Amino acid sequence: MTHVVTEQCVHCKFAECITYCPVACFREAGTFLVIDPEECIDCGNCVEACPADAIYPEDELPPELQPALEWNSRLALQLPLATTDVAPLADAEDWVGRPDKWRTLKGEEAVRVDSP
């Protein structure tokens, strides 16, 4: 099993999760992070660390967020490893809790999320 970053990370990218991950399973896009399911050891440290409540265990992923499972798996193969140097986005606090954040992605990030 793995943990999954959901759309609540989009436009926030607080990155505390990276600091608490013992196996470096996070990958970084411009405005969000994903978890590489092949690297995740299911420790749950990231869930507790995320101030945006953007991370769920795979088996607790709400139905409306199920697309995030595929999104994380696919994008983890394309994105670079996230390091502890990642800083939250400047307006991250303004985005916490907003719905439908996937639809706000533009350009290359939107293509990456939408393309299977």
Protein backbone atom coordinates (compact mmCIF):
# COMPACT_ATOMS: atom_id res chain seq x y z
CA MET A 1 0.00 0.00 0.00
CA THR A 2 1.06 3.61 -0.48
CA HIS A 3 0.10 7.10 0.56
CA VAL A 4 -1.33 9.53 -1.98
CA VAL A 5 -0.96 13.29 -2.39
CA THR A 6 -4.30 14.80 -3.41
CA GLU A 7 -5.32 18.05 -5.05
CA GLN A 8 -5.11 19.91 -1.74
CA CYS A 9 -1.36 20.11 -2.33
CA VAL A 10 -1.86 22.04 -5.57
CA HIS A 11 -0.75 25.68 -5.19
CA CYS A 12 0.43 25.03 -1.61
CA LYS A 13 3.36 22.62 -1.66
CA PHE A 14 4.14 23.22 2.03
CA ALA A 15 6.73 20.41 1.89
CA GLU A 16 6.84 19.47 5.58
CA CYS A 17 6.03 15.97 4.36
CA ILE A 18 9.42 15.75 2.64
CA THR A 19 11.24 16.43 5.90
CA TYR A 20 9.39 13.65 7.71
CA CYS A 21 9.70 11.02 4.96
CA PRO A 22 12.39 8.46 5.83
CA VAL A 23 12.70 7.11 2.28
CA ALA A 24 12.61 10.15 -0.05
CA CYS A 25 9.49 9.11 -1.97
CA PHE A 26 8.28 12.61 -2.90
CA ARG A 27 8.58 14.03 -6.41
CA GLU A 28 8.17 17.70 -7.25
CA ALA A 29 6.20 19.58 -9.87
CA GLY A 30 5.98 23.36 -10.04
CA THR A 31 2.97 23.79 -7.77
CA PHE A 32 2.51 20.40 -6.10
CA LEU A 33 4.17 17.20 -4.90
CA VAL A 34 3.39 13.54 -5.56
CA ILE A 35 4.39 10.32 -3.82
CA ASP A 36 6.19 7.58 -5.70
CA PRO A 37 4.22 4.45 -4.74
CA GLU A 38 7.22 2.24 -5.46
CA GLU A 39 9.26 4.08 -2.81
CA CYS A 40 6.60 4.77 -0.14
CA ILE A 41 6.90 2.46 2.87
CA ASP A 42 3.48 3.41 4.27
CA CYS A 43 4.86 4.91 7.49
CA GLY A 44 2.28 7.71 7.62
CA ASN A 45 4.71 10.41 8.77
CA CYS A 46 3.70 12.60 5.84
CA VAL A 47 0.00 12.54 6.76
CA GLU A 48 0.72 14.01 10.17
CA ALA A 49 3.15 16.58 8.78
CA CYS A 50 0.95 18.02 6.00
CA PRO A 51 -0.69 21.32 7.05
CA ALA A 52 -3.03 21.19 4.03
CA ASP A 53 -4.39 17.70 4.85
CA ALA A 54 -3.46 16.71 1.31
CA ILE A 55 -2.13 13.19 1.96
CA TYR A 56 -4.15 10.02 2.55
CA PRO A 57 -3.37 6.34 2.94
CA GLU A 58 -4.44 4.65 -0.31
CA ASP A 59 -7.14 2.62 1.42
CA GLU A 60 -8.68 5.75 3.00
CA LEU A 61 -8.77 7.86 -0.15
CA PRO A 62 -12.27 9.37 -0.52
CA PRO A 63 -14.08 8.41 -3.75
CA GLU A 64 -13.92 11.93 -5.16
CA LEU A 65 -10.11 11.90 -4.77
CA GLN A 66 -9.51 8.47 -6.34
CA PRO A 67 -7.97 10.02 -9.50
CA ALA A 68 -5.04 11.10 -7.31
CA LEU A 69 -3.86 7.49 -7.04
CA GLU A 70 -3.26 7.23 -10.78
CA TRP A 71 -1.95 10.80 -10.91
CA ASN A 72 0.71 10.06 -8.25
CA SER A 73 1.77 6.77 -9.85
CA ARG A 74 2.15 8.24 -13.33
CA LEU A 75 3.74 11.55 -12.40
CA ALA A 76 6.23 9.98 -9.98
CA LEU A 77 7.91 8.47 -13.04
CA GLN A 78 8.22 11.88 -14.74
CA LEU A 79 9.12 14.29 -11.94
CA PRO A 80 12.42 14.89 -10.13
CA LEU A 81 13.03 13.90 -6.55
CA ALA A 82 11.84 16.55 -4.09
CA THR A 83 14.47 17.70 -1.63
CA THR A 84 14.20 19.26 1.80
CA ASP A 85 15.04 22.59 0.14
CA VAL A 86 11.50 22.89 -1.26
CA ALA A 87 9.78 26.02 0.01
CA PRO A 88 6.02 26.49 0.25
CA LEU A 89 4.56 28.66 -2.48
CA ALA A 90 4.26 32.33 -1.56
CA ASP A 91 0.46 32.32 -1.56
CA ALA A 92 0.06 28.79 -0.16
CA GLU A 93 -2.08 29.84 2.79
CA ASP A 94 -4.58 31.46 0.39
CA TRP A 95 -5.11 28.11 -1.36
CA VAL A 96 -5.64 25.83 1.66
CA GLY A 97 -9.03 24.14 1.54
CA ARG A 98 -10.12 25.44 -1.87
CA PRO A 99 -12.04 22.90 -3.95
CA ASP A 100 -11.26 21.77 -7.51
CA LYS A 101 -7.63 22.81 -7.44
CA TRP A 102 -6.71 20.37 -10.22
CA ARG A 103 -8.73 22.50 -12.62
CA THR A 104 -6.58 25.53 -11.80
CA LEU A 105 -3.43 23.93 -13.20
CA LYS A 106 -2.13 25.49 -16.39
CA GLY A 107 0.36 24.66 -19.08
CA GLU A 108 2.66 21.70 -18.63
CA GLU A 109 1.30 20.84 -15.18
CA ALA A 110 -2.26 20.58 -16.50
CA VAL A 111 -1.11 18.35 -19.34
CA ARG A 112 0.77 16.11 -16.95
CA VAL A 113 -2.25 15.65 -14.70
CA ASP A 114 -4.75 15.18 -17.51
CA SER A 115 -2.69 12.94 -19.79
CA PRO A 116 -2.73 9.23 -19.05
